[in-house]
Amino acid sequence: MTLLDDGVAIGSTGGASTSPAHVDLRADLPTRLAALGTMDRNALAAEWRRQFRATPPDRIRRDLLELGIAWKLQEKALGGLKKSIAAELRDLAEALAATGDIRRAKAPRLKPGARLVREWGGVTHEVTVIDGGFLWKGKAWTSLSAIAGEITGTHWSGPRFFGLAGGGKTAGRNKAKQHMAGEQGASDA
């Protein structure tokens, strides 16, 4: 069985089961996905060429052929990735190719209006992202690290302090506990 882009399915006998020209890809998706399991390897390779407009990779396993075609069918029926997600994936792939490590990829991009909330020393601190910086306690700041430094009294990575990079909130909480324990130990002495 072969699946055509317009939703017409051609069986092994060569007869076509017609469907309206304005086939709703979303409604037809379950049928098209189920048909993949009944196709032989040559039919899957032909469908791959039709969907991706390229020859399938050499020696690709059957299950990967099915998965790739299924992904493409779902993308056509339900929509693909958002441009921002595709760009992020591209950045991660470039970072992996260049350094072999994706952990140090770009920090998340914050949009104006986003709020960052962090508790420190029993006080909840709220920072609002604005154009060109951050707003904390009614004052505009250009650096999250400067805000983190003001809150803690010591140098901090602002993105890490607010859980945006590195070890995230857990690492910040552990460091906060260590810092608080250090202060208590000094006052007990």
C-alpha atoms as a PDB file:
ATOM      1  CA  MET A   1       0.000   0.000   0.000  1.00  0.00           C
ATOM      2  CA  THR A   2       1.267   3.486  -0.844  1.00  0.00           C
ATOM      3  CA  LEU A   3       0.140   6.711   0.733  1.00  0.00           C
ATOM      4  CA  LEU A   4      -0.060   9.730  -1.505  1.00  0.00           C
ATOM      5  CA  ASP A   5       0.142  13.306  -0.254  1.00  0.00           C
ATOM      6  CA  ASP A   6      -3.459  14.005  -1.236  1.00  0.00           C
ATOM      7  CA  GLY A   7      -4.760  11.192   0.932  1.00  0.00           C
ATOM      8  CA  VAL A   8      -5.423   8.644  -1.814  1.00  0.00           C
ATOM      9  CA  ALA A   9      -4.327   5.185  -0.719  1.00  0.00           C
ATOM     10  CA  ILE A  10      -3.301   2.726  -3.407  1.00  0.00           C
ATOM     11  CA  GLY A  11      -3.479  -0.930  -2.376  1.00  0.00           C
ATOM     12  CA  SER A  12      -1.289  -3.776  -3.615  1.00  0.00           C
ATOM     13  CA  THR A  13      -3.884  -4.589  -6.282  1.00  0.00           C
ATOM     14  CA  GLY A  14      -3.353  -1.178  -7.830  1.00  0.00           C
ATOM     15  CA  GLY A  15      -6.895   0.011  -7.210  1.00  0.00           C
ATOM     16  CA  ALA A  16      -7.245   3.404  -5.641  1.00  0.00           C
ATOM     17  CA  SER A  17      -9.620   4.139  -2.820  1.00  0.00           C
ATOM     18  CA  THR A  18     -10.568   7.682  -3.588  1.00  0.00           C
ATOM     19  CA  SER A  19     -11.223  10.385  -1.106  1.00  0.00           C
ATOM     20  CA  PRO A  20     -12.352  13.968  -1.614  1.00  0.00           C
ATOM     21  CA  ALA A  21      -9.814  16.341  -3.099  1.00  0.00           C
ATOM     22  CA  HIS A  22     -10.035  18.436   0.054  1.00  0.00           C
ATOM     23  CA  VAL A  23      -8.981  15.595   2.349  1.00  0.00           C
ATOM     24  CA  ASP A  24      -8.690  16.678   5.941  1.00  0.00           C
ATOM     25  CA  LEU A  25      -5.202  15.436   6.772  1.00  0.00           C
ATOM     26  CA  ARG A  26      -5.988  15.517  10.471  1.00  0.00           C
ATOM     27  CA  ALA A  27      -9.009  13.225  10.132  1.00  0.00           C
ATOM     28  CA  ASP A  28      -7.161  10.869   7.778  1.00  0.00           C
ATOM     29  CA  LEU A  29      -4.037  10.680   9.965  1.00  0.00           C
ATOM     30  CA  PRO A  30      -4.920   7.562  12.020  1.00  0.00           C
ATOM     31  CA  THR A  31      -5.631   5.585   8.834  1.00  0.00           C
ATOM     32  CA  ARG A  32      -2.397   6.730   7.219  1.00  0.00           C
ATOM     33  CA  LEU A  33      -0.375   5.881  10.325  1.00  0.00           C
ATOM     34  CA  ALA A  34      -1.949   2.433  10.622  1.00  0.00           C
ATOM     35  CA  ALA A  35      -1.166   1.727   6.969  1.00  0.00           C
ATOM     36  CA  LEU A  36       2.565   2.123   7.655  1.00  0.00           C
ATOM     37  CA  GLY A  37       2.585  -1.139   9.596  1.00  0.00           C
ATOM     38  CA  THR A  38       1.237  -3.072   6.624  1.00  0.00           C
ATOM     39  CA  MET A  39       3.703  -1.693   4.061  1.00  0.00           C
ATOM     40  CA  ASP A  40       6.755  -3.707   2.974  1.00  0.00           C
ATOM     41  CA  ARG A  41      10.239  -2.217   3.156  1.00  0.00           C
ATOM     42  CA  ASN A  42      10.294  -1.108  -0.506  1.00  0.00           C
ATOM     43  CA  ALA A  43       6.959   0.677  -0.102  1.00  0.00           C
ATOM     44  CA  LEU A  44       8.225   2.368   3.061  1.00  0.00           C
ATOM     45  CA  ALA A  45      11.367   3.535   1.241  1.00  0.00           C
ATOM     46  CA  ALA A  46       9.199   4.923  -1.573  1.00  0.00           C
ATOM     47  CA  GLU A  47       6.968   6.677   0.958  1.00  0.00           C
ATOM     48  CA  TRP A  48      10.069   8.141   2.662  1.00  0.00           C
ATOM     49  CA  ARG A  49      11.220   9.542  -0.696  1.00  0.00           C
ATOM     50  CA  ARG A  50       7.755  11.003  -1.266  1.00  0.00           C
ATOM     51  CA  GLN A  51       7.492  12.600   2.174  1.00  0.00           C
ATOM     52  CA  PHE A  52      11.078  13.861   2.592  1.00  0.00           C
ATOM     53  CA  ARG A  53      11.921  14.321  -1.092  1.00  0.00           C
ATOM     54  CA  ALA A  54      15.170  12.447  -0.404  1.00  0.00           C
ATOM     55  CA  THR A  55      16.444   8.891  -0.380  1.00  0.00           C
ATOM     56  CA  PRO A  56      16.251   7.220   3.041  1.00  0.00           C
ATOM     57  CA  PRO A  57      19.602   6.716   4.791  1.00  0.00           C
ATOM     58  CA  ASP A  58      21.451   3.532   3.853  1.00  0.00           C
ATOM     59  CA  ARG A  59      20.716   0.495   6.027  1.00  0.00           C
ATOM     60  CA  ILE A  60      18.080   2.334   8.078  1.00  0.00           C
ATOM     61  CA  ARG A  61      15.981  -0.055  10.117  1.00  0.00           C
ATOM     62  CA  ARG A  62      12.347  -0.592   9.202  1.00  0.00           C
ATOM     63  CA  ASP A  63      11.081   0.776  12.520  1.00  0.00           C
ATOM     64  CA  LEU A  64      13.015   4.015  11.952  1.00  0.00           C
ATOM     65  CA  LEU A  65      11.580   4.305   8.452  1.00  0.00           C
ATOM     66  CA  GLU A  66       8.093   3.985   9.932  1.00  0.00           C
ATOM     67  CA  LEU A  67       8.831   6.485  12.704  1.00  0.00           C
ATOM     68  CA  GLY A  68      10.288   9.034  10.294  1.00  0.00           C
ATOM     69  CA  ILE A  69       7.363   8.788   7.909  1.00  0.00           C
ATOM     70  CA  ALA A  70       4.878   8.904  10.790  1.00  0.00           C
ATOM     71  CA  TRP A  71       6.551  12.052  12.126  1.00  0.00           C
ATOM     72  CA  LYS A  72       6.351  13.695   8.706  1.00  0.00           C
ATOM     73  CA  LEU A  73       2.679  12.755   8.287  1.00  0.00           C
ATOM     74  CA  GLN A  74       1.885  14.161  11.729  1.00  0.00           C
ATOM     75  CA  GLU A  75       3.836  17.327  10.963  1.00  0.00           C
ATOM     76  CA  LYS A  76       1.805  17.868   7.797  1.00  0.00           C
ATOM     77  CA  ALA A  77      -1.503  17.142   9.537  1.00  0.00           C
ATOM     78  CA  LEU A  78      -0.925  18.838  12.891  1.00  0.00           C
ATOM     79  CA  GLY A  79       1.749  21.416  12.163  1.00  0.00           C
ATOM     80  CA  GLY A  80       5.493  21.435  12.680  1.00  0.00           C
ATOM     81  CA  LEU A  81       7.727  22.893  15.340  1.00  0.00           C
ATOM     82  CA  LYS A  82       7.486  26.552  16.282  1.00  0.00           C
ATOM     83  CA  LYS A  83      10.262  28.643  14.769  1.00  0.00           C
ATOM     84  CA  SER A  84      11.690  29.361  18.217  1.00  0.00           C
ATOM     85  CA  ILE A  85      11.897  25.639  19.064  1.00  0.00           C
ATOM     86  CA  ALA A  86      13.471  24.845  15.691  1.00  0.00           C
ATOM     87  CA  ALA A  87      16.035  27.606  16.280  1.00  0.00           C
ATOM     88  CA  GLU A  88      16.791  26.284  19.756  1.00  0.00           C
ATOM     89  CA  LEU A  89      17.281  22.756  18.396  1.00  0.00           C
ATOM     90  CA  ARG A  90      19.539  24.141  15.659  1.00  0.00           C
ATOM     91  CA  ASP A  91      21.603  25.998  18.304  1.00  0.00           C
ATOM     92  CA  LEU A  92      21.893  22.821  20.372  1.00  0.00           C
ATOM     93  CA  ALA A  93      23.014  20.827  17.325  1.00  0.00           C
ATOM     94  CA  GLU A  94      25.638  23.470  16.486  1.00  0.00           C
ATOM     95  CA  ALA A  95      26.867  23.508  20.100  1.00  0.00           C
ATOM     96  CA  LEU A  96      27.086  19.724  20.111  1.00  0.00           C
ATOM     97  CA  ALA A  97      29.011  19.705  16.820  1.00  0.00           C
ATOM     98  CA  ALA A  98      31.384  22.453  17.959  1.00  0.00           C
ATOM     99  CA  THR A  99      32.075  21.436  21.560  1.00  0.00           C
ATOM    100  CA  GLY A 100      30.605  17.972  22.000  1.00  0.00           C
ATOM    101  CA  ASP A 101      28.591  19.417  24.891  1.00  0.00           C
ATOM    102  CA  ILE A 102      25.112  20.932  24.909  1.00  0.00           C
ATOM    103  CA  ARG A 103      24.927  21.810  28.586  1.00  0.00           C
ATOM    104  CA  ARG A 104      26.418  25.222  27.962  1.00  0.00           C
ATOM    105  CA  ALA A 105      23.887  26.161  25.294  1.00  0.00           C
ATOM    106  CA  LYS A 106      22.251  29.564  25.441  1.00  0.00           C
ATOM    107  CA  ALA A 107      20.215  30.439  28.502  1.00  0.00           C
ATOM    108  CA  PRO A 108      16.477  30.743  27.935  1.00  0.00           C
ATOM    109  CA  ARG A 109      15.381  33.973  26.332  1.00  0.00           C
ATOM    110  CA  LEU A 110      13.166  35.917  28.688  1.00  0.00           C
ATOM    111  CA  LYS A 111      10.370  38.040  27.305  1.00  0.00           C
ATOM    112  CA  PRO A 112       9.391  41.356  28.881  1.00  0.00           C
ATOM    113  CA  GLY A 113       6.729  40.782  31.496  1.00  0.00           C
ATOM    114  CA  ALA A 114       8.149  37.445  32.674  1.00  0.00           C
ATOM    115  CA  ARG A 115       8.496  37.209  36.460  1.00  0.00           C
ATOM    116  CA  LEU A 116      11.332  35.496  38.283  1.00  0.00           C
ATOM    117  CA  VAL A 117      10.605  34.562  41.884  1.00  0.00           C
ATOM    118  CA  ARG A 118      13.190  33.417  44.426  1.00  0.00           C
ATOM    119  CA  GLU A 119      13.082  33.013  48.172  1.00  0.00           C
ATOM    120  CA  TRP A 120      16.193  33.973  50.118  1.00  0.00           C
ATOM    121  CA  GLY A 121      16.523  34.224  53.868  1.00  0.00           C
ATOM    122  CA  GLY A 122      12.775  33.865  54.370  1.00  0.00           C
ATOM    123  CA  VAL A 123      12.018  36.756  51.993  1.00  0.00           C
ATOM    124  CA  THR A 124      10.434  36.235  48.582  1.00  0.00           C
ATOM    125  CA  HIS A 125      12.052  38.343  45.859  1.00  0.00           C
ATOM    126  CA  GLU A 126      10.240  39.025  42.602  1.00  0.00           C
ATOM    127  CA  VAL A 127      12.049  40.321  39.521  1.00  0.00           C
ATOM    128  CA  THR A 128      10.164  41.393  36.392  1.00  0.00           C
ATOM    129  CA  VAL A 129      11.818  41.211  32.981  1.00  0.00           C
ATOM    130  CA  ILE A 130      11.628  44.539  31.118  1.00  0.00           C
ATOM    131  CA  ASP A 131      13.057  45.736  27.812  1.00  0.00           C
ATOM    132  CA  GLY A 132      16.795  46.039  28.298  1.00  0.00           C
ATOM    133  CA  GLY A 133      16.931  44.555  31.793  1.00  0.00           C
ATOM    134  CA  PHE A 134      15.062  43.733  34.960  1.00  0.00           C
ATOM    135  CA  LEU A 135      12.895  45.507  37.511  1.00  0.00           C
ATOM    136  CA  TRP A 136      13.409  44.718  41.202  1.00  0.00           C
ATOM    137  CA  LYS A 137      12.088  46.777  44.134  1.00  0.00           C
ATOM    138  CA  GLY A 138      11.037  49.561  41.777  1.00  0.00           C
ATOM    139  CA  LYS A 139      14.544  49.965  40.325  1.00  0.00           C
ATOM    140  CA  ALA A 140      15.728  49.005  36.820  1.00  0.00           C
ATOM    141  CA  TRP A 141      18.762  46.714  36.642  1.00  0.00           C
ATOM    142  CA  THR A 142      20.746  45.545  33.627  1.00  0.00           C
ATOM    143  CA  SER A 143      22.094  42.407  35.302  1.00  0.00           C
ATOM    144  CA  LEU A 144      20.473  39.508  37.127  1.00  0.00           C
ATOM    145  CA  SER A 145      23.828  38.852  38.804  1.00  0.00           C
ATOM    146  CA  ALA A 146      23.813  42.347  40.293  1.00  0.00           C
ATOM    147  CA  ILE A 147      20.342  41.710  41.728  1.00  0.00           C
ATOM    148  CA  ALA A 148      21.425  38.332  43.102  1.00  0.00           C
ATOM    149  CA  GLY A 149      24.449  40.029  44.670  1.00  0.00           C
ATOM    150  CA  GLU A 150      22.247  42.637  46.340  1.00  0.00           C
ATOM    151  CA  ILE A 151      19.914  39.965  47.686  1.00  0.00           C
ATOM    152  CA  THR A 152      22.627  37.658  49.030  1.00  0.00           C
ATOM    153  CA  GLY A 153      25.419  40.076  49.854  1.00  0.00           C
ATOM    154  CA  THR A 154      27.868  37.958  47.848  1.00  0.00           C
ATOM    155  CA  HIS A 155      28.683  37.288  44.202  1.00  0.00           C
ATOM    156  CA  TRP A 156      26.194  34.991  42.472  1.00  0.00           C
ATOM    157  CA  SER A 157      25.453  34.019  38.913  1.00  0.00           C
ATOM    158  CA  GLY A 158      22.086  35.705  38.433  1.00  0.00           C
ATOM    159  CA  PRO A 159      20.709  33.108  36.003  1.00  0.00           C
ATOM    160  CA  ARG A 160      21.775  30.298  38.325  1.00  0.00           C
ATOM    161  CA  PHE A 161      20.390  32.083  41.406  1.00  0.00           C
ATOM    162  CA  PHE A 162      16.986  32.427  39.728  1.00  0.00           C
ATOM    163  CA  GLY A 163      17.052  28.840  38.416  1.00  0.00           C
ATOM    164  CA  LEU A 164      17.616  29.678  34.749  1.00  0.00           C
ATOM    165  CA  ALA A 165      21.011  28.012  34.257  1.00  0.00           C
ATOM    166  CA  GLY A 166      23.411  25.497  35.672  1.00  0.00           C
ATOM    167  CA  GLY A 167      22.201  23.521  38.635  1.00  0.00           C
ATOM    168  CA  GLY A 168      18.847  25.273  38.705  1.00  0.00           C
ATOM    169  CA  LYS A 169      16.826  26.013  41.825  1.00  0.00           C
ATOM    170  CA  THR A 170      18.056  22.979  43.715  1.00  0.00           C
ATOM    171  CA  ALA A 171      21.671  24.085  43.473  1.00  0.00           C
ATOM    172  CA  GLY A 172      20.644  27.589  44.554  1.00  0.00           C
ATOM    173  CA  ARG A 173      18.749  26.247  47.546  1.00  0.00           C
ATOM    174  CA  ASN A 174      21.678  24.064  48.587  1.00  0.00           C
ATOM    175  CA  LYS A 175      24.053  27.015  48.348  1.00  0.00           C
ATOM    176  CA  ALA A 176      21.554  29.168  50.232  1.00  0.00           C
ATOM    177  CA  LYS A 177      21.387  26.584  53.019  1.00  0.00           C
ATOM    178  CA  GLN A 178      25.194  26.439  53.130  1.00  0.00           C
ATOM    179  CA  HIS A 179      25.366  30.234  53.262  1.00  0.00           C
ATOM    180  CA  MET A 180      22.771  30.416  56.038  1.00  0.00           C
ATOM    181  CA  ALA A 181      24.508  27.636  57.975  1.00  0.00           C
ATOM    182  CA  GLY A 182      27.797  29.519  57.653  1.00  0.00           C
ATOM    183  CA  GLU A 183      26.228  32.660  59.107  1.00  0.00           C
ATOM    184  CA  GLN A 184      24.715  30.727  62.010  1.00  0.00           C
ATOM    185  CA  GLY A 185      28.023  28.988  62.718  1.00  0.00           C
ATOM    186  CA  ALA A 186      29.816  32.350  62.765  1.00  0.00           C
ATOM    187  CA  SER A 187      27.252  33.870  65.155  1.00  0.00           C
ATOM    188  CA  ASP A 188      27.456  30.858  67.487  1.00  0.00           C
ATOM    189  CA  ALA A 189      31.225  31.221  67.864  1.00  0.00           C
END
